[in-house]
Amino acid sequence: MVHHIVMWKFRPEIEEERKPELKKAMKENLSSLVGKVPGLLTVEFVEQPLPSSTHDMALVTTMEKAEDIKVYSKHPAHVAVADTYVRPFVTERACLDYE
C-alpha cells in the first residue's frame, strides 16, 4: 500500500467565516472519489489540525500501489473536484508519498 498526503493553506483573501463551509465541501467531494478512481482505497480529510500545525488542512489517502498516485492525479473525477473545491481556495501545497 501507498500513502499520499497533501497539505494546504487557505489563500490569504479567504475570510475566516467561509473556511468551515469550504473545508466541508472539500471533505465531501474528495471523499466521494473512493470507488470512482481506480486504486484509491481510503480518503481521510483533516479539517481540524492542532494549533501547532503549519497548514490549515490535509488529505491522507491510501492507494494500492505507487503507480496509482499518477492515475489519481490525472483522473477526470479528481481533476474536477480539485479544480472546483480545492485549487481556487488554497495555496502552499505540500505533498508526501510513502509506502
PDB file of N, CA and C in Angstrom:
ATOM      1  N   MET A   1       0.837  -1.194   0.000  1.00  0.00           N
ATOM      2  CA  MET A   1       0.000   0.000   0.000  1.00  0.00           C
ATOM      3  C   MET A   1       0.875   1.249   0.000  1.00  0.00           C
ATOM      4  N   VAL A   2       0.302   2.303  -0.541  1.00  0.00           N
ATOM      5  CA  VAL A   2       0.998   3.586  -0.649  1.00  0.00           C
ATOM      6  C   VAL A   2       0.111   4.660  -0.020  1.00  0.00           C
ATOM      7  N   HIS A   3       0.747   5.569   0.686  1.00  0.00           N
ATOM      8  CA  HIS A   3       0.025   6.686   1.295  1.00  0.00           C
ATOM      9  C   HIS A   3       0.418   7.971   0.575  1.00  0.00           C
ATOM     10  N   HIS A   4      -0.577   8.797   0.324  1.00  0.00           N
ATOM     11  CA  HIS A   4      -0.391  10.075  -0.372  1.00  0.00           C
ATOM     12  C   HIS A   4      -1.000  11.144   0.543  1.00  0.00           C
ATOM     13  N   ILE A   5      -0.141  12.020   1.041  1.00  0.00           N
ATOM     14  CA  ILE A   5      -0.578  13.065   1.970  1.00  0.00           C
ATOM     15  C   ILE A   5      -0.350  14.420   1.308  1.00  0.00           C
ATOM     16  N   VAL A   6      -1.380  15.247   1.324  1.00  0.00           N
ATOM     17  CA  VAL A   6      -1.280  16.600   0.774  1.00  0.00           C
ATOM     18  C   VAL A   6      -1.790  17.575   1.832  1.00  0.00           C
ATOM     19  N   MET A   7      -1.075  18.663   2.014  1.00  0.00           N
ATOM     20  CA  MET A   7      -1.485  19.706   2.963  1.00  0.00           C
ATOM     21  C   MET A   7      -1.558  21.039   2.226  1.00  0.00           C
ATOM     22  N   TRP A   8      -2.493  21.868   2.676  1.00  0.00           N
ATOM     23  CA  TRP A   8      -2.657  23.196   2.069  1.00  0.00           C
ATOM     24  C   TRP A   8      -2.882  24.257   3.145  1.00  0.00           C
ATOM     25  N   LYS A   9      -2.640  25.488   2.724  1.00  0.00           N
ATOM     26  CA  LYS A   9      -3.070  26.667   3.487  1.00  0.00           C
ATOM     27  C   LYS A   9      -4.130  27.363   2.651  1.00  0.00           C
ATOM     28  N   PHE A  10      -5.056  28.012   3.314  1.00  0.00           N
ATOM     29  CA  PHE A  10      -6.024  28.832   2.587  1.00  0.00           C
ATOM     30  C   PHE A  10      -5.325  30.054   2.008  1.00  0.00           C
ATOM     31  N   ARG A  11      -5.826  30.527   0.891  1.00  0.00           N
ATOM     32  CA  ARG A  11      -5.335  31.789   0.335  1.00  0.00           C
ATOM     33  C   ARG A  11      -5.606  32.892   1.358  1.00  0.00           C
ATOM     34  N   PRO A  12      -4.752  33.887   1.450  1.00  0.00           N
ATOM     35  CA  PRO A  12      -4.921  34.946   2.463  1.00  0.00           C
ATOM     36  C   PRO A  12      -6.245  35.704   2.343  1.00  0.00           C
ATOM     37  N   GLU A  13      -6.794  35.789   1.137  1.00  0.00           N
ATOM     38  CA  GLU A  13      -8.030  36.552   0.953  1.00  0.00           C
ATOM     39  C   GLU A  13      -9.297  35.794   1.353  1.00  0.00           C
ATOM     40  N   ILE A  14      -9.175  34.532   1.730  1.00  0.00           N
ATOM     41  CA  ILE A  14     -10.348  33.754   2.152  1.00  0.00           C
ATOM     42  C   ILE A  14     -10.740  34.187   3.563  1.00  0.00           C
ATOM     43  N   GLU A  15     -11.980  34.629   3.716  1.00  0.00           N
ATOM     44  CA  GLU A  15     -12.467  35.101   5.004  1.00  0.00           C
ATOM     45  C   GLU A  15     -12.624  33.929   5.986  1.00  0.00           C
ATOM     46  N   GLU A  16     -12.332  34.173   7.250  1.00  0.00           N
ATOM     47  CA  GLU A  16     -12.416  33.140   8.290  1.00  0.00           C
ATOM     48  C   GLU A  16     -13.775  32.462   8.329  1.00  0.00           C
ATOM     49  N   GLU A  17     -14.843  33.251   8.173  1.00  0.00           N
ATOM     50  CA  GLU A  17     -16.195  32.684   8.280  1.00  0.00           C
ATOM     51  C   GLU A  17     -16.526  31.733   7.126  1.00  0.00           C
ATOM     52  N   ARG A  18     -15.807  31.804   6.025  1.00  0.00           N
ATOM     53  CA  ARG A  18     -16.034  30.894   4.882  1.00  0.00           C
ATOM     54  C   ARG A  18     -15.288  29.573   5.016  1.00  0.00           C
ATOM     55  N   LYS A  19     -14.238  29.550   5.811  1.00  0.00           N
ATOM     56  CA  LYS A  19     -13.354  28.383   5.880  1.00  0.00           C
ATOM     57  C   LYS A  19     -14.073  27.095   6.290  1.00  0.00           C
ATOM     58  N   PRO A  20     -14.951  27.103   7.294  1.00  0.00           N
ATOM     59  CA  PRO A  20     -15.625  25.837   7.641  1.00  0.00           C
ATOM     60  C   PRO A  20     -16.459  25.267   6.497  1.00  0.00           C
ATOM     61  N   GLU A  21     -17.182  26.092   5.776  1.00  0.00           N
ATOM     62  CA  GLU A  21     -18.008  25.596   4.658  1.00  0.00           C
ATOM     63  C   GLU A  21     -17.131  25.096   3.516  1.00  0.00           C
ATOM     64  N   LEU A  22     -16.005  25.761   3.275  1.00  0.00           N
ATOM     65  CA  LEU A  22     -15.094  25.321   2.226  1.00  0.00           C
ATOM     66  C   LEU A  22     -14.454  23.985   2.587  1.00  0.00           C
ATOM     67  N   LYS A  23     -14.050  23.832   3.843  1.00  0.00           N
ATOM     68  CA  LYS A  23     -13.481  22.562   4.291  1.00  0.00           C
ATOM     69  C   LYS A  23     -14.500  21.437   4.184  1.00  0.00           C
ATOM     70  N   LYS A  24     -15.745  21.723   4.525  1.00  0.00           N
ATOM     71  CA  LYS A  24     -16.797  20.708   4.432  1.00  0.00           C
ATOM     72  C   LYS A  24     -16.975  20.249   2.982  1.00  0.00           C
ATOM     73  N   ALA A  25     -16.987  21.184   2.051  1.00  0.00           N
ATOM     74  CA  ALA A  25     -17.133  20.845   0.634  1.00  0.00           C
ATOM     75  C   ALA A  25     -15.925  20.051   0.134  1.00  0.00           C
ATOM     76  N   MET A  26     -14.732  20.446   0.564  1.00  0.00           N
ATOM     77  CA  MET A  26     -13.526  19.702   0.185  1.00  0.00           C
ATOM     78  C   MET A  26     -13.616  18.268   0.683  1.00  0.00           C
ATOM     79  N   LYS A  27     -13.952  18.112   1.960  1.00  0.00           N
ATOM     80  CA  LYS A  27     -14.033  16.784   2.575  1.00  0.00           C
ATOM     81  C   LYS A  27     -15.047  15.905   1.842  1.00  0.00           C
ATOM     82  N   GLU A  28     -16.245  16.408   1.635  1.00  0.00           N
ATOM     83  CA  GLU A  28     -17.298  15.624   0.987  1.00  0.00           C
ATOM     84  C   GLU A  28     -16.909  15.213  -0.423  1.00  0.00           C
ATOM     85  N   ASN A  29     -16.381  16.141  -1.175  1.00  0.00           N
ATOM     86  CA  ASN A  29     -16.083  15.862  -2.577  1.00  0.00           C
ATOM     87  C   ASN A  29     -14.829  15.020  -2.762  1.00  0.00           C
ATOM     88  N   LEU A  30     -13.807  15.241  -1.962  1.00  0.00           N
ATOM     89  CA  LEU A  30     -12.622  14.390  -2.043  1.00  0.00           C
ATOM     90  C   LEU A  30     -12.948  12.975  -1.569  1.00  0.00           C
ATOM     91  N   SER A  31     -13.746  12.846  -0.522  1.00  0.00           N
ATOM     92  CA  SER A  31     -14.137  11.525  -0.020  1.00  0.00           C
ATOM     93  C   SER A  31     -14.963  10.759  -1.040  1.00  0.00           C
ATOM     94  N   SER A  32     -15.709  11.472  -1.855  1.00  0.00           N
ATOM     95  CA  SER A  32     -16.563  10.827  -2.856  1.00  0.00           C
ATOM     96  C   SER A  32     -15.766  10.143  -3.969  1.00  0.00           C
ATOM     97  N   LEU A  33     -14.460  10.375  -4.022  1.00  0.00           N
ATOM     98  CA  LEU A  33     -13.641   9.794  -5.081  1.00  0.00           C
ATOM     99  C   LEU A  33     -13.340   8.310  -4.868  1.00  0.00           C
ATOM    100  N   VAL A  34     -13.502   7.831  -3.628  1.00  0.00           N
ATOM    101  CA  VAL A  34     -13.309   6.395  -3.373  1.00  0.00           C
ATOM    102  C   VAL A  34     -14.388   5.643  -4.152  1.00  0.00           C
ATOM    103  N   GLY A  35     -13.952   4.660  -4.938  1.00  0.00           N
ATOM    104  CA  GLY A  35     -14.881   3.917  -5.780  1.00  0.00           C
ATOM    105  C   GLY A  35     -14.987   4.483  -7.187  1.00  0.00           C
ATOM    106  N   LYS A  36     -14.513   5.699  -7.375  1.00  0.00           N
ATOM    107  CA  LYS A  36     -14.523   6.316  -8.706  1.00  0.00           C
ATOM    108  C   LYS A  36     -13.141   6.291  -9.357  1.00  0.00           C
ATOM    109  N   VAL A  37     -12.101   6.423  -8.531  1.00  0.00           N
ATOM    110  CA  VAL A  37     -10.731   6.459  -9.038  1.00  0.00           C
ATOM    111  C   VAL A  37     -10.085   5.095  -8.783  1.00  0.00           C
ATOM    112  N   PRO A  38      -9.665   4.400  -9.823  1.00  0.00           N
ATOM    113  CA  PRO A  38      -9.031   3.090  -9.646  1.00  0.00           C
ATOM    114  C   PRO A  38      -7.814   3.170  -8.731  1.00  0.00           C
ATOM    115  N   GLY A  39      -7.723   2.239  -7.791  1.00  0.00           N
ATOM    116  CA  GLY A  39      -6.587   2.170  -6.878  1.00  0.00           C
ATOM    117  C   GLY A  39      -6.728   2.993  -5.617  1.00  0.00           C
ATOM    118  N   LEU A  40      -7.669   3.917  -5.574  1.00  0.00           N
ATOM    119  CA  LEU A  40      -7.869   4.751  -4.388  1.00  0.00           C
ATOM    120  C   LEU A  40      -8.693   3.966  -3.371  1.00  0.00           C
ATOM    121  N   LEU A  41      -8.077   3.627  -2.239  1.00  0.00           N
ATOM    122  CA  LEU A  41      -8.723   2.781  -1.243  1.00  0.00           C
ATOM    123  C   LEU A  41      -9.404   3.564  -0.127  1.00  0.00           C
ATOM    124  N   THR A  42      -8.712   4.577   0.402  1.00  0.00           N
ATOM    125  CA  THR A  42      -9.278   5.358   1.504  1.00  0.00           C
ATOM    126  C   THR A  42      -8.935   6.834   1.356  1.00  0.00           C
ATOM    127  N   VAL A  43      -9.792   7.662   1.943  1.00  0.00           N
ATOM    128  CA  VAL A  43      -9.567   9.105   1.988  1.00  0.00           C
ATOM    129  C   VAL A  43      -9.910   9.583   3.390  1.00  0.00           C
ATOM    130  N   GLU A  44      -9.001  10.319   3.984  1.00  0.00           N
ATOM    131  CA  GLU A  44      -9.263  10.989   5.263  1.00  0.00           C
ATOM    132  C   GLU A  44      -8.931  12.463   5.064  1.00  0.00           C
ATOM    133  N   PHE A  45      -9.864  13.328   5.407  1.00  0.00           N
ATOM    134  CA  PHE A  45      -9.640  14.767   5.293  1.00  0.00           C
ATOM    135  C   PHE A  45      -9.493  15.331   6.693  1.00  0.00           C
ATOM    136  N   VAL A  46      -8.376  15.950   6.966  1.00  0.00           N
ATOM    137  CA  VAL A  46      -8.093  16.530   8.287  1.00  0.00           C
ATOM    138  C   VAL A  46      -8.477  17.998   8.227  1.00  0.00           C
ATOM    139  N   GLU A  47      -9.564  18.342   8.918  1.00  0.00           N
ATOM    140  CA  GLU A  47     -10.052  19.719   8.858  1.00  0.00           C
ATOM    141  C   GLU A  47      -9.840  20.491  10.155  1.00  0.00           C
ATOM    142  N   GLN A  48      -9.426  19.812  11.209  1.00  0.00           N
ATOM    143  CA  GLN A  48      -9.197  20.464  12.498  1.00  0.00           C
ATOM    144  C   GLN A  48      -7.781  20.185  12.998  1.00  0.00           C
ATOM    145  N   PRO A  49      -6.759  20.731  12.329  1.00  0.00           N
ATOM    146  CA  PRO A  49      -5.396  20.492  12.807  1.00  0.00           C
ATOM    147  C   PRO A  49      -5.141  21.206  14.131  1.00  0.00           C
ATOM    148  N   LEU A  50      -4.183  20.704  14.865  1.00  0.00           N
ATOM    149  CA  LEU A  50      -3.797  21.350  16.121  1.00  0.00           C
ATOM    150  C   LEU A  50      -3.179  22.722  15.827  1.00  0.00           C
ATOM    151  N   PRO A  51      -3.236  23.639  16.790  1.00  0.00           N
ATOM    152  CA  PRO A  51      -2.674  24.989  16.578  1.00  0.00           C
ATOM    153  C   PRO A  51      -1.187  24.990  16.220  1.00  0.00           C
ATOM    154  N   SER A  52      -0.470  23.944  16.571  1.00  0.00           N
ATOM    155  CA  SER A  52       0.960  23.866  16.244  1.00  0.00           C
ATOM    156  C   SER A  52       1.215  23.549  14.772  1.00  0.00           C
ATOM    157  N   SER A  53       0.174  23.280  14.005  1.00  0.00           N
ATOM    158  CA  SER A  53       0.308  22.885  12.600  1.00  0.00           C
ATOM    159  C   SER A  53       0.720  24.063  11.722  1.00  0.00           C
ATOM    160  N   THR A  54       1.378  23.740  10.624  1.00  0.00           N
ATOM    161  CA  THR A  54       1.811  24.766   9.678  1.00  0.00           C
ATOM    162  C   THR A  54       0.846  24.942   8.514  1.00  0.00           C
ATOM    163  N   HIS A  55      -0.154  24.045   8.388  1.00  0.00           N
ATOM    164  CA  HIS A  55      -1.116  24.112   7.295  1.00  0.00           C
ATOM    165  C   HIS A  55      -2.540  24.058   7.860  1.00  0.00           C
ATOM    166  N   ASP A  56      -3.506  24.477   7.051  1.00  0.00           N
ATOM    167  CA  ASP A  56      -4.894  24.573   7.502  1.00  0.00           C
ATOM    168  C   ASP A  56      -5.685  23.281   7.395  1.00  0.00           C
ATOM    169  N   MET A  57      -5.268  22.391   6.501  1.00  0.00           N
ATOM    170  CA  MET A  57      -5.981  21.133   6.305  1.00  0.00           C
ATOM    171  C   MET A  57      -5.070  20.159   5.583  1.00  0.00           C
ATOM    172  N   ALA A  58      -5.477  18.869   5.613  1.00  0.00           N
ATOM    173  CA  ALA A  58      -4.675  17.846   4.956  1.00  0.00           C
ATOM    174  C   ALA A  58      -5.580  16.766   4.385  1.00  0.00           C
ATOM    175  N   LEU A  59      -5.070  16.113   3.370  1.00  0.00           N
ATOM    176  CA  LEU A  59      -5.734  14.969   2.767  1.00  0.00           C
ATOM    177  C   LEU A  59      -4.790  13.787   2.918  1.00  0.00           C
ATOM    178  N   VAL A  60      -5.280  12.708   3.504  1.00  0.00           N
ATOM    179  CA  VAL A  60      -4.487  11.494   3.688  1.00  0.00           C
ATOM    180  C   VAL A  60      -5.197  10.378   2.935  1.00  0.00           C
ATOM    181  N   THR A  61      -4.550   9.863   1.896  1.00  0.00           N
ATOM    182  CA  THR A  61      -5.169   8.804   1.102  1.00  0.00           C
ATOM    183  C   THR A  61      -4.300   7.558   1.134  1.00  0.00           C
ATOM    184  N   THR A  62      -4.950   6.431   0.904  1.00  0.00           N
ATOM    185  CA  THR A  62      -4.257   5.158   0.763  1.00  0.00           C
ATOM    186  C   THR A  62      -4.585   4.611  -0.616  1.00  0.00           C
ATOM    187  N   MET A  63      -3.557   4.142  -1.297  1.00  0.00           N
ATOM    188  CA  MET A  63      -3.720   3.584  -2.636  1.00  0.00           C
ATOM    189  C   MET A  63      -3.063   2.217  -2.687  1.00  0.00           C
ATOM    190  N   GLU A  64      -3.448   1.438  -3.678  1.00  0.00           N
ATOM    191  CA  GLU A  64      -2.937   0.079  -3.799  1.00  0.00           C
ATOM    192  C   GLU A  64      -1.443   0.041  -4.086  1.00  0.00           C
ATOM    193  N   LYS A  65      -0.982   0.869  -5.036  1.00  0.00           N
ATOM    194  CA  LYS A  65       0.422   0.846  -5.446  1.00  0.00           C
ATOM    195  C   LYS A  65       0.865   2.247  -5.870  1.00  0.00           C
ATOM    196  N   ALA A  66       2.169   2.437  -5.972  1.00  0.00           N
ATOM    197  CA  ALA A  66       2.733   3.756  -6.271  1.00  0.00           C
ATOM    198  C   ALA A  66       2.212   4.323  -7.590  1.00  0.00           C
ATOM    199  N   GLU A  67       2.002   3.480  -8.578  1.00  0.00           N
ATOM    200  CA  GLU A  67       1.525   3.943  -9.880  1.00  0.00           C
ATOM    201  C   GLU A  67       0.135   4.578  -9.789  1.00  0.00           C
ATOM    202  N   ASP A  68      -0.627   4.215  -8.748  1.00  0.00           N
ATOM    203  CA  ASP A  68      -1.978   4.748  -8.587  1.00  0.00           C
ATOM    204  C   ASP A  68      -1.987   6.244  -8.281  1.00  0.00           C
ATOM    205  N   ILE A  69      -0.881   6.777  -7.772  1.00  0.00           N
ATOM    206  CA  ILE A  69      -0.813   8.209  -7.492  1.00  0.00           C
ATOM    207  C   ILE A  69      -0.943   8.998  -8.797  1.00  0.00           C
ATOM    208  N   LYS A  70      -0.263   8.533  -9.836  1.00  0.00           N
ATOM    209  CA  LYS A  70      -0.334   9.201 -11.139  1.00  0.00           C
ATOM    210  C   LYS A  70      -1.743   9.068 -11.736  1.00  0.00           C
ATOM    211  N   VAL A  71      -2.328   7.885 -11.595  1.00  0.00           N
ATOM    212  CA  VAL A  71      -3.690   7.661 -12.082  1.00  0.00           C
ATOM    213  C   VAL A  71      -4.649   8.618 -11.381  1.00  0.00           C
ATOM    214  N   TYR A  72      -4.521   8.714 -10.064  1.00  0.00           N
ATOM    215  CA  TYR A  72      -5.358   9.589  -9.245  1.00  0.00           C
ATOM    216  C   TYR A  72      -5.202  11.049  -9.684  1.00  0.00           C
ATOM    217  N   SER A  73      -3.969  11.489  -9.852  1.00  0.00           N
ATOM    218  CA  SER A  73      -3.732  12.908 -10.163  1.00  0.00           C
ATOM    219  C   SER A  73      -4.334  13.335 -11.500  1.00  0.00           C
ATOM    220  N   LYS A  74      -4.436  12.404 -12.451  1.00  0.00           N
ATOM    221  CA  LYS A  74      -4.943  12.747 -13.781  1.00  0.00           C
ATOM    222  C   LYS A  74      -6.388  12.296 -14.016  1.00  0.00           C
ATOM    223  N   HIS A  75      -6.946  11.579 -13.064  1.00  0.00           N
ATOM    224  CA  HIS A  75      -8.305  11.054 -13.255  1.00  0.00           C
ATOM    225  C   HIS A  75      -9.296  12.209 -13.362  1.00  0.00           C
ATOM    226  N   PRO A  76     -10.193  12.179 -14.347  1.00  0.00           N
ATOM    227  CA  PRO A  76     -11.137  13.293 -14.553  1.00  0.00           C
ATOM    228  C   PRO A  76     -11.993  13.631 -13.327  1.00  0.00           C
ATOM    229  N   ALA A  77     -12.382  12.635 -12.551  1.00  0.00           N
ATOM    230  CA  ALA A  77     -13.183  12.916 -11.349  1.00  0.00           C
ATOM    231  C   ALA A  77     -12.360  13.687 -10.324  1.00  0.00           C
ATOM    232  N   HIS A  78     -11.096  13.305 -10.152  1.00  0.00           N
ATOM    233  CA  HIS A  78     -10.219  14.013  -9.213  1.00  0.00           C
ATOM    234  C   HIS A  78      -9.932  15.430  -9.706  1.00  0.00           C
ATOM    235  N   VAL A  79      -9.631  15.566 -10.976  1.00  0.00           N
ATOM    236  CA  VAL A  79      -9.337  16.889 -11.539  1.00  0.00           C
ATOM    237  C   VAL A  79     -10.535  17.815 -11.355  1.00  0.00           C
ATOM    238  N   ALA A  80     -11.739  17.313 -11.590  1.00  0.00           N
ATOM    239  CA  ALA A  80     -12.951  18.133 -11.436  1.00  0.00           C
ATOM    240  C   ALA A  80     -13.133  18.583  -9.996  1.00  0.00           C
ATOM    241  N   VAL A  81     -12.933  17.669  -9.053  1.00  0.00           N
ATOM    242  CA  VAL A  81     -13.059  18.033  -7.631  1.00  0.00           C
ATOM    243  C   VAL A  81     -11.984  19.037  -7.242  1.00  0.00           C
ATOM    244  N   ALA A  82     -10.754  18.772  -7.613  1.00  0.00           N
ATOM    245  CA  ALA A  82      -9.652  19.673  -7.251  1.00  0.00           C
ATOM    246  C   ALA A  82      -9.835  21.061  -7.861  1.00  0.00           C
ATOM    247  N   ASP A  83     -10.252  21.113  -9.119  1.00  0.00           N
ATOM    248  CA  ASP A  83     -10.424  22.402  -9.792  1.00  0.00           C
ATOM    249  C   ASP A  83     -11.615  23.197  -9.271  1.00  0.00           C
ATOM    250  N   THR A  84     -12.599  22.510  -8.715  1.00  0.00           N
ATOM    251  CA  THR A  84     -13.810  23.181  -8.233  1.00  0.00           C
ATOM    252  C   THR A  84     -13.774  23.493  -6.747  1.00  0.00           C
ATOM    253  N   TYR A  85     -13.314  22.541  -5.943  1.00  0.00           N
ATOM    254  CA  TYR A  85     -13.451  22.659  -4.489  1.00  0.00           C
ATOM    255  C   TYR A  85     -12.148  22.910  -3.734  1.00  0.00           C
ATOM    256  N   VAL A  86     -11.001  22.758  -4.390  1.00  0.00           N
ATOM    257  CA  VAL A  86      -9.732  22.891  -3.671  1.00  0.00           C
ATOM    258  C   VAL A  86      -8.868  24.015  -4.244  1.00  0.00           C
ATOM    259  N   ARG A  87      -8.403  23.876  -5.450  1.00  0.00           N
ATOM    260  CA  ARG A  87      -7.412  24.814  -6.012  1.00  0.00           C
ATOM    261  C   ARG A  87      -7.806  26.282  -5.974  1.00  0.00           C
ATOM    262  N   PRO A  88      -9.071  26.634  -6.173  1.00  0.00           N
ATOM    263  CA  PRO A  88      -9.402  28.065  -6.137  1.00  0.00           C
ATOM    264  C   PRO A  88      -9.222  28.717  -4.761  1.00  0.00           C
ATOM    265  N   PHE A  89      -9.108  27.906  -3.707  1.00  0.00           N
ATOM    266  CA  PHE A  89      -9.123  28.449  -2.349  1.00  0.00           C
ATOM    267  C   PHE A  89      -7.828  28.252  -1.571  1.00  0.00           C
ATOM    268  N   VAL A  90      -6.864  27.509  -2.146  1.00  0.00           N
ATOM    269  CA  VAL A  90      -5.676  27.142  -1.380  1.00  0.00           C
ATOM    270  C   VAL A  90      -4.393  27.629  -2.013  1.00  0.00           C
ATOM    271  N   THR A  91      -3.351  27.555  -1.208  1.00  0.00           N
ATOM    272  CA  THR A  91      -2.005  27.899  -1.634  1.00  0.00           C
ATOM    273  C   THR A  91      -1.037  27.042  -0.814  1.00  0.00           C
ATOM    274  N   GLU A  92       0.223  27.143  -1.091  1.00  0.00           N
ATOM    275  CA  GLU A  92       1.262  26.438  -0.339  1.00  0.00           C
ATOM    276  C   GLU A  92       0.960  24.964  -0.150  1.00  0.00           C
ATOM    277  N   ARG A  93       0.824  24.274  -1.240  1.00  0.00           N
ATOM    278  CA  ARG A  93       0.602  22.829  -1.226  1.00  0.00           C
ATOM    279  C   ARG A  93       1.885  22.107  -0.868  1.00  0.00           C
ATOM    280  N   ALA A  94       1.780  21.140   0.041  1.00  0.00           N
ATOM    281  CA  ALA A  94       2.893  20.269   0.380  1.00  0.00           C
ATOM    282  C   ALA A  94       2.412  18.830   0.198  1.00  0.00           C
ATOM    283  N   CYS A  95       3.290  17.961  -0.284  1.00  0.00           N
ATOM    284  CA  CYS A  95       2.913  16.580  -0.575  1.00  0.00           C
ATOM    285  C   CYS A  95       3.984  15.632  -0.060  1.00  0.00           C
ATOM    286  N   LEU A  96       3.525  14.482   0.453  1.00  0.00           N
ATOM    287  CA  LEU A  96       4.434  13.424   0.879  1.00  0.00           C
ATOM    288  C   LEU A  96       3.800  12.103   0.499  1.00  0.00           C
ATOM    289  N   ASP A  97       4.536  11.275  -0.237  1.00  0.00           N
ATOM    290  CA  ASP A  97       4.085   9.948  -0.618  1.00  0.00           C
ATOM    291  C   ASP A  97       5.046   8.935  -0.010  1.00  0.00           C
ATOM    292  N   TYR A  98       4.500   7.827   0.506  1.00  0.00           N
ATOM    293  CA  TYR A  98       5.371   6.796   1.085  1.00  0.00           C
ATOM    294  C   TYR A  98       4.682   5.442   1.070  1.00  0.00           C
ATOM    295  N   GLU A  99       5.496   4.411   1.161  1.00  0.00           N
ATOM    296  CA  GLU A  99       4.974   3.047   1.228  1.00  0.00           C
ATOM    297  C   GLU A  99       4.983   2.570   2.656  1.00  0.00           C
TER     298      GLU A  99
END
